[in-house]
Amino acid sequence: FTDTSGNRNNGSCSVPSCQIATIDTPQAVLGQGAAKYALSFDGNDYVTANSPISNNITVEGWVKVNAPVAGTVIFANFGGIFVYYSGTGMVVSAYSANFIGREDFANSQVIQPGIWYHVVGYYQTIGTTYTLGIAVNGKLETQTTSIVKKSDSGYVSIGNFQGYTSYFNGLIDEVRIYSQALTLGEIQKHYA
């Protein structure tokens, strides 16, 4: 899977071949032109990629849950931020440097299986203030946290996280990773 940013953080699948969906994409559903491709996860695969991001981070993508399984990881940065499906909604988590401290922050929107959602999770450091943010379909909710995020190990995972047993079942498209927390305006522009 090719990184279109030019940074060569290409992804690889955990199994010999990840499935590609060509009809059911956010662009097709939203009437934004010809269908592109989306990754189809069937509950036993995931994608990993390099990601040299150390402090502030945003992970973004379009997500369609087929089989709702609580605790399913959507995006994970081994630097200590996870976005996962809770069974009813999306949650962003931050882990401390030794993985002993953890804080979860859930959005208030219920996620229904079979519907595309634009999901954004971020962790931001400003001085000694640390903030977790989660946005679903352009609605951003934030929470201040005491967790100082673990330093990045250099990779991200999409659809699961190595060592976890709850694999994502559904479609994920247009994943983007930033070394900053996106503003509400930027999030809403990407959602539109």
C-alpha atoms as a PDB file:
ATOM      1  CA  PHE A   1       0.000   0.000   0.000  1.00  0.00           C
ATOM      2  CA  THR A   2       1.603   3.204  -1.194  1.00  0.00           C
ATOM      3  CA  ASP A   3       2.025   6.321   0.929  1.00  0.00           C
ATOM      4  CA  THR A   4       0.787   9.113  -1.358  1.00  0.00           C
ATOM      5  CA  SER A   5       2.373  11.862   0.796  1.00  0.00           C
ATOM      6  CA  GLY A   6       5.776  11.146  -0.723  1.00  0.00           C
ATOM      7  CA  ASN A   7       7.296  10.213   2.651  1.00  0.00           C
ATOM      8  CA  ARG A   8       7.593   6.522   1.667  1.00  0.00           C
ATOM      9  CA  ASN A   9       5.803   5.232   4.774  1.00  0.00           C
ATOM     10  CA  ASN A  10       4.296   2.422   2.721  1.00  0.00           C
ATOM     11  CA  GLY A  11       2.125  -0.199   4.378  1.00  0.00           C
ATOM     12  CA  SER A  12       2.173  -3.970   4.299  1.00  0.00           C
ATOM     13  CA  CYS A  13      -0.532  -6.515   5.038  1.00  0.00           C
ATOM     14  CA  SER A  14      -0.296  -9.075   7.853  1.00  0.00           C
ATOM     15  CA  VAL A  15      -1.538 -11.837   5.523  1.00  0.00           C
ATOM     16  CA  PRO A  16      -0.436 -12.620   1.942  1.00  0.00           C
ATOM     17  CA  SER A  17      -3.170 -10.466   0.416  1.00  0.00           C
ATOM     18  CA  CYS A  18      -5.513  -7.920   1.956  1.00  0.00           C
ATOM     19  CA  GLN A  19      -8.862  -7.562   0.276  1.00  0.00           C
ATOM     20  CA  ILE A  20      -9.786  -4.448  -1.669  1.00  0.00           C
ATOM     21  CA  ALA A  21     -13.381  -3.207  -1.997  1.00  0.00           C
ATOM     22  CA  THR A  22     -14.078  -1.297  -5.206  1.00  0.00           C
ATOM     23  CA  ILE A  23     -17.772  -0.423  -5.043  1.00  0.00           C
ATOM     24  CA  ASP A  24     -18.577   0.428  -1.450  1.00  0.00           C
ATOM     25  CA  THR A  25     -16.433   3.482  -0.714  1.00  0.00           C
ATOM     26  CA  PRO A  26     -17.199   6.791   1.044  1.00  0.00           C
ATOM     27  CA  GLN A  27     -16.885   8.670  -2.251  1.00  0.00           C
ATOM     28  CA  ALA A  28     -19.476   6.446  -3.932  1.00  0.00           C
ATOM     29  CA  VAL A  29     -21.883   6.649  -1.002  1.00  0.00           C
ATOM     30  CA  LEU A  30     -21.518  10.447  -0.671  1.00  0.00           C
ATOM     31  CA  GLY A  31     -21.881  10.976  -4.447  1.00  0.00           C
ATOM     32  CA  GLN A  32     -18.403  12.467  -4.835  1.00  0.00           C
ATOM     33  CA  GLY A  33     -17.542  10.849  -8.133  1.00  0.00           C
ATOM     34  CA  ALA A  34     -16.308   7.464  -9.209  1.00  0.00           C
ATOM     35  CA  ALA A  35     -15.651   4.860  -6.576  1.00  0.00           C
ATOM     36  CA  LYS A  36     -12.059   4.447  -5.503  1.00  0.00           C
ATOM     37  CA  TYR A  37     -10.739   1.573  -3.402  1.00  0.00           C
ATOM     38  CA  ALA A  38     -11.154   0.775   0.279  1.00  0.00           C
ATOM     39  CA  LEU A  39      -9.392  -1.827   2.389  1.00  0.00           C
ATOM     40  CA  SER A  40     -11.670  -4.670   3.397  1.00  0.00           C
ATOM     41  CA  PHE A  41     -10.798  -6.307   6.707  1.00  0.00           C
ATOM     42  CA  ASP A  42     -12.440  -9.654   7.400  1.00  0.00           C
ATOM     43  CA  GLY A  43     -11.494 -10.068  11.048  1.00  0.00           C
ATOM     44  CA  ASN A  44      -8.075 -11.723  10.651  1.00  0.00           C
ATOM     45  CA  ASP A  45      -5.799  -9.171   8.971  1.00  0.00           C
ATOM     46  CA  TYR A  46      -4.305  -5.707   9.461  1.00  0.00           C
ATOM     47  CA  VAL A  47      -1.863  -3.296   7.809  1.00  0.00           C
ATOM     48  CA  THR A  48       1.317  -1.843   9.329  1.00  0.00           C
ATOM     49  CA  ALA A  49       3.345   1.128   8.105  1.00  0.00           C
ATOM     50  CA  ASN A  50       6.278   3.276   9.210  1.00  0.00           C
ATOM     51  CA  SER A  51       5.371   6.443  11.072  1.00  0.00           C
ATOM     52  CA  PRO A  52       8.215   8.511  12.532  1.00  0.00           C
ATOM     53  CA  ILE A  53       5.945  10.708  14.689  1.00  0.00           C
ATOM     54  CA  SER A  54       7.002  11.414  18.259  1.00  0.00           C
ATOM     55  CA  ASN A  55       4.661  13.846  20.039  1.00  0.00           C
ATOM     56  CA  ASN A  56       1.524  15.334  18.531  1.00  0.00           C
ATOM     57  CA  ILE A  57      -0.344  12.970  16.232  1.00  0.00           C
ATOM     58  CA  THR A  58      -3.618  12.769  14.338  1.00  0.00           C
ATOM     59  CA  VAL A  59      -4.955   9.626  12.687  1.00  0.00           C
ATOM     60  CA  GLU A  60      -7.861  10.008  10.288  1.00  0.00           C
ATOM     61  CA  GLY A  61      -9.886   7.813   7.984  1.00  0.00           C
ATOM     62  CA  TRP A  62     -13.267   6.632   6.802  1.00  0.00           C
ATOM     63  CA  VAL A  63     -14.555   3.591   8.694  1.00  0.00           C
ATOM     64  CA  LYS A  64     -17.473   1.235   8.082  1.00  0.00           C
ATOM     65  CA  VAL A  65     -18.005  -1.410  10.761  1.00  0.00           C
ATOM     66  CA  ASN A  66     -19.496  -4.686   9.493  1.00  0.00           C
ATOM     67  CA  ALA A  67     -19.337  -6.827  12.618  1.00  0.00           C
ATOM     68  CA  PRO A  68     -19.391  -4.774  15.810  1.00  0.00           C
ATOM     69  CA  VAL A  69     -16.867  -6.244  18.244  1.00  0.00           C
ATOM     70  CA  ALA A  70     -16.014  -4.180  21.322  1.00  0.00           C
ATOM     71  CA  GLY A  71     -12.322  -3.371  21.685  1.00  0.00           C
ATOM     72  CA  THR A  72     -11.546  -3.619  17.973  1.00  0.00           C
ATOM     73  CA  VAL A  73      -8.550  -1.412  17.104  1.00  0.00           C
ATOM     74  CA  ILE A  74      -9.117   0.854  14.085  1.00  0.00           C
ATOM     75  CA  PHE A  75      -5.821   2.799  14.173  1.00  0.00           C
ATOM     76  CA  ALA A  76      -2.839   2.364  16.491  1.00  0.00           C
ATOM     77  CA  ASN A  77       0.411   4.271  16.804  1.00  0.00           C
ATOM     78  CA  PHE A  78       2.850   2.327  18.921  1.00  0.00           C
ATOM     79  CA  GLY A  79       3.811   5.660  20.407  1.00  0.00           C
ATOM     80  CA  GLY A  80       0.810   5.291  22.665  1.00  0.00           C
ATOM     81  CA  ILE A  81      -2.358   6.416  20.847  1.00  0.00           C
ATOM     82  CA  PHE A  82      -5.138   4.065  19.799  1.00  0.00           C
ATOM     83  CA  VAL A  83      -8.512   4.652  18.146  1.00  0.00           C
ATOM     84  CA  TYR A  84     -10.851   1.747  18.682  1.00  0.00           C
ATOM     85  CA  TYR A  85     -14.498   0.736  18.435  1.00  0.00           C
ATOM     86  CA  SER A  86     -16.065   0.333  21.885  1.00  0.00           C
ATOM     87  CA  GLY A  87     -19.124  -1.633  20.797  1.00  0.00           C
ATOM     88  CA  THR A  88     -21.267   1.505  20.506  1.00  0.00           C
ATOM     89  CA  GLY A  89     -18.892   4.323  19.552  1.00  0.00           C
ATOM     90  CA  MET A  90     -15.314   5.366  18.888  1.00  0.00           C
ATOM     91  CA  VAL A  91     -12.689   5.837  21.607  1.00  0.00           C
ATOM     92  CA  VAL A  92      -9.258   7.456  21.524  1.00  0.00           C
ATOM     93  CA  SER A  93      -6.729   6.200  24.095  1.00  0.00           C
ATOM     94  CA  ALA A  94      -3.349   7.433  25.234  1.00  0.00           C
ATOM     95  CA  TYR A  95      -0.796   5.234  26.986  1.00  0.00           C
ATOM     96  CA  SER A  96       2.061   6.430  29.174  1.00  0.00           C
ATOM     97  CA  ALA A  97       5.717   5.688  28.531  1.00  0.00           C
ATOM     98  CA  ASN A  98       5.667   2.452  30.531  1.00  0.00           C
ATOM     99  CA  PHE A  99       2.131   1.445  29.425  1.00  0.00           C
ATOM    100  CA  ILE A 100       1.024   1.475  33.080  1.00  0.00           C
ATOM    101  CA  GLY A 101      -1.019   4.662  32.731  1.00  0.00           C
ATOM    102  CA  ARG A 102      -3.887   4.766  30.252  1.00  0.00           C
ATOM    103  CA  GLU A 103      -6.744   7.135  29.611  1.00  0.00           C
ATOM    104  CA  ASP A 104      -9.708   6.579  27.292  1.00  0.00           C
ATOM    105  CA  PHE A 105     -12.005   9.236  25.890  1.00  0.00           C
ATOM    106  CA  ALA A 106     -15.168   8.169  24.055  1.00  0.00           C
ATOM    107  CA  ASN A 107     -17.204  10.226  21.635  1.00  0.00           C
ATOM    108  CA  SER A 108     -20.939  10.587  22.253  1.00  0.00           C
ATOM    109  CA  GLN A 109     -22.120   9.482  18.784  1.00  0.00           C
ATOM    110  CA  VAL A 110     -23.370   5.913  18.465  1.00  0.00           C
ATOM    111  CA  ILE A 111     -21.749   4.041  15.561  1.00  0.00           C
ATOM    112  CA  GLN A 112     -24.102   1.820  13.553  1.00  0.00           C
ATOM    113  CA  PRO A 113     -22.815  -1.154  11.542  1.00  0.00           C
ATOM    114  CA  GLY A 114     -23.036  -0.808   7.756  1.00  0.00           C
ATOM    115  CA  ILE A 115     -22.653   3.010   7.637  1.00  0.00           C
ATOM    116  CA  TRP A 116     -19.550   5.013   6.656  1.00  0.00           C
ATOM    117  CA  TYR A 117     -18.160   7.379   9.321  1.00  0.00           C
ATOM    118  CA  HIS A 118     -15.306   9.857   9.098  1.00  0.00           C
ATOM    119  CA  VAL A 119     -13.208   9.168  12.230  1.00  0.00           C
ATOM    120  CA  VAL A 120     -10.353  11.310  13.568  1.00  0.00           C
ATOM    121  CA  GLY A 121      -8.376  10.720  16.756  1.00  0.00           C
ATOM    122  CA  TYR A 122      -5.557  12.887  18.084  1.00  0.00           C
ATOM    123  CA  TYR A 123      -3.171  13.498  20.926  1.00  0.00           C
ATOM    124  CA  GLN A 124      -1.766  17.015  21.426  1.00  0.00           C
ATOM    125  CA  THR A 125       0.894  18.438  23.732  1.00  0.00           C
ATOM    126  CA  ILE A 126       0.987  22.174  24.435  1.00  0.00           C
ATOM    127  CA  GLY A 127       3.461  22.953  27.220  1.00  0.00           C
ATOM    128  CA  THR A 128       2.335  20.783  30.128  1.00  0.00           C
ATOM    129  CA  THR A 129      -1.230  20.336  28.844  1.00  0.00           C
ATOM    130  CA  TYR A 130      -2.099  17.079  27.088  1.00  0.00           C
ATOM    131  CA  THR A 131      -5.330  16.680  25.150  1.00  0.00           C
ATOM    132  CA  LEU A 132      -7.134  13.730  23.583  1.00  0.00           C
ATOM    133  CA  GLY A 133      -9.552  14.452  20.760  1.00  0.00           C
ATOM    134  CA  ILE A 134     -12.004  12.302  18.824  1.00  0.00           C
ATOM    135  CA  ALA A 135     -14.161  13.465  15.940  1.00  0.00           C
ATOM    136  CA  VAL A 136     -16.878  11.541  14.156  1.00  0.00           C
ATOM    137  CA  ASN A 137     -18.405  13.074  11.017  1.00  0.00           C
ATOM    138  CA  GLY A 138     -16.950  16.508  11.745  1.00  0.00           C
ATOM    139  CA  LYS A 139     -18.079  16.751  15.370  1.00  0.00           C
ATOM    140  CA  LEU A 140     -14.992  17.137  17.591  1.00  0.00           C
ATOM    141  CA  GLU A 141     -14.966  16.307  21.294  1.00  0.00           C
ATOM    142  CA  THR A 142     -11.852  16.796  23.455  1.00  0.00           C
ATOM    143  CA  GLN A 143     -10.637  15.968  26.929  1.00  0.00           C
ATOM    144  CA  THR A 144      -7.571  17.087  28.860  1.00  0.00           C
ATOM    145  CA  THR A 145      -5.501  14.173  30.141  1.00  0.00           C
ATOM    146  CA  SER A 146      -2.654  13.686  32.587  1.00  0.00           C
ATOM    147  CA  ILE A 147      -1.119  10.987  30.392  1.00  0.00           C
ATOM    148  CA  VAL A 148       2.242  11.860  28.851  1.00  0.00           C
ATOM    149  CA  LYS A 149       2.232   9.809  25.665  1.00  0.00           C
ATOM    150  CA  LYS A 150       4.878   7.154  25.183  1.00  0.00           C
ATOM    151  CA  SER A 151       7.591   7.966  22.631  1.00  0.00           C
ATOM    152  CA  ASP A 152       6.936   6.576  19.177  1.00  0.00           C
ATOM    153  CA  SER A 153       8.399   3.240  18.147  1.00  0.00           C
ATOM    154  CA  GLY A 154       8.157   4.084  14.458  1.00  0.00           C
ATOM    155  CA  TYR A 155       5.075   2.315  13.134  1.00  0.00           C
ATOM    156  CA  VAL A 156       1.303   2.407  12.959  1.00  0.00           C
ATOM    157  CA  SER A 157      -1.235  -0.344  12.558  1.00  0.00           C
ATOM    158  CA  ILE A 158      -4.597  -0.215  10.768  1.00  0.00           C
ATOM    159  CA  GLY A 159      -7.299  -2.792  11.500  1.00  0.00           C
ATOM    160  CA  ASN A 160      -5.660  -4.244  14.613  1.00  0.00           C
ATOM    161  CA  PHE A 161      -2.531  -4.005  16.694  1.00  0.00           C
ATOM    162  CA  GLN A 162       0.091  -6.701  16.984  1.00  0.00           C
ATOM    163  CA  GLY A 163      -0.722  -8.918  19.947  1.00  0.00           C
ATOM    164  CA  TYR A 164      -4.403  -7.981  20.155  1.00  0.00           C
ATOM    165  CA  THR A 165      -7.057 -10.587  19.391  1.00  0.00           C
ATOM    166  CA  SER A 166      -9.933  -8.271  18.366  1.00  0.00           C
ATOM    167  CA  TYR A 167      -9.431  -7.735  14.640  1.00  0.00           C
ATOM    168  CA  PHE A 168     -11.478  -5.165  12.770  1.00  0.00           C
ATOM    169  CA  ASN A 169     -14.240  -6.450  10.487  1.00  0.00           C
ATOM    170  CA  GLY A 170     -15.323  -3.857   7.947  1.00  0.00           C
ATOM    171  CA  LEU A 171     -13.952  -1.287   5.518  1.00  0.00           C
ATOM    172  CA  ILE A 172     -11.359   1.457   6.097  1.00  0.00           C
ATOM    173  CA  ASP A 173     -10.474   4.089   3.503  1.00  0.00           C
ATOM    174  CA  GLU A 174      -8.376   7.246   3.089  1.00  0.00           C
ATOM    175  CA  VAL A 175      -6.189   6.795   6.183  1.00  0.00           C
ATOM    176  CA  ARG A 176      -4.050   9.830   6.906  1.00  0.00           C
ATOM    177  CA  ILE A 177      -1.522  10.399   9.687  1.00  0.00           C
ATOM    178  CA  TYR A 178      -0.296  13.837  10.735  1.00  0.00           C
ATOM    179  CA  SER A 179       2.426  15.022  13.114  1.00  0.00           C
ATOM    180  CA  GLN A 180       0.069  17.634  14.557  1.00  0.00           C
ATOM    181  CA  ALA A 181      -3.427  17.833  16.001  1.00  0.00           C
ATOM    182  CA  LEU A 182      -5.808  18.924  13.257  1.00  0.00           C
ATOM    183  CA  THR A 183      -8.040  21.921  13.961  1.00  0.00           C
ATOM    184  CA  LEU A 184     -11.822  21.613  13.895  1.00  0.00           C
ATOM    185  CA  GLY A 185     -11.839  23.520  10.588  1.00  0.00           C
ATOM    186  CA  GLU A 186      -9.354  21.090   9.032  1.00  0.00           C
ATOM    187  CA  ILE A 187     -11.319  18.090  10.270  1.00  0.00           C
ATOM    188  CA  GLN A 188     -14.579  19.461   8.888  1.00  0.00           C
ATOM    189  CA  LYS A 189     -12.957  20.270   5.536  1.00  0.00           C
ATOM    190  CA  HIS A 190     -11.731  16.668   5.229  1.00  0.00           C
ATOM    191  CA  TYR A 191     -15.179  15.373   6.191  1.00  0.00           C
ATOM    192  CA  ALA A 192     -17.049  17.536   3.663  1.00  0.00           C
END
